[in-house]
Amino acid sequence: MEKLIRAVKESKREKKKQTQSEILPKKMISQSSLNENVNSENDIIKIEYDKTRVVSLNHEQLAKNRIVAFNKNNNLSLGFDILRTQVIKKMIANGWRTLAITSPVPACGKTMVSINLAMSISHLTSRTAMLVDFDFRRPAVSKYLGLPSEPSLNDVLAEEASIAESLVNPGLERLVILPTTRAVKHSSEVLSSRKIGNYIKEFRDRYEERIVIFDLPPLLGSDDAMIVLPQVDCVLVVVGNGMVSNTDLTECMRYVDTDKLLGTVLNKSTSDQSNRGYYY
């Protein structure tokens, strides 16, 4: 793991040398400023859903897919609460609202981290979270949570449904999910379209209390994630322990703007430092 941390720091040093209308939940109470505390007791956001579908999740399926942040009483959710606090602190300081989560290679756990972090953020009374599945090659958010297959972002792209009709609330008051349920043909071209750019801007600007998380494909293997990264405020890179070589990580970091990199999340670690998997 020390080699992993060194590789991240070295790649960041190299990077510096080179330079480089949906109908959404109605707010009942709130007007949170980006300069306020992350979770002010005097600023509670309550939401009622008009058109957004509310879906009950299967707890056995959540446990199977390591979705632990749904239940605040689950001790395993603490790690994601710690990650949430660090992420939100830096995002507020920079006025950021959109966060991309990616990985160097497949199977590092980026979707699991995306879902748990979004759920953890939604537990804050002064924030709302939106999770968007932008992994158009291997969408997995819907599968992990057992969400209905239709309508979804696929139907929005085909102009057969609206964003409002495709959003899902998974039973957590301040969280909405926009799932992709089928692979999207010509994914790179779709992600680079003006339509997707407009959606990203709309998701970001609609509510200042909202943190929007985009689950992106791995950086190595296609240009999908590279297309989206310039359009979001910041990025987290999930690294699977023992799955990513130093060469892969260094190559991955070449595509990430150093100024946008929040850090890396070390996943699948069995060491005593598994709860310290977040690095600047």
Foldseek 3Di string as FASTA:
>chain_A
DVLQVVLVVVLLVVCVVVDDPADFWDWPFADDALPDDLADPVGFTFTDADQAAEAEFDVVLLVVLVQQQLDPPRPVLVLLLVVLVLVSVVCSVVLFFEEEEAALAPPLCRLSSQNSNQSSSLVRRQAAEEEEELAQADFPNCVSGVHDQPDAVVCVVVVNDPQSNQWYHHPRRRYIYGGHRHRDPPSQVVCLDVVVLVVLVNVPPVGSRYHYYYYYYHVPDDCNVLNCQVSHQAYEYRGEVPPADSVSVSVSSSSHNSVRYSFYAYPPDPDPCNSVRGDD
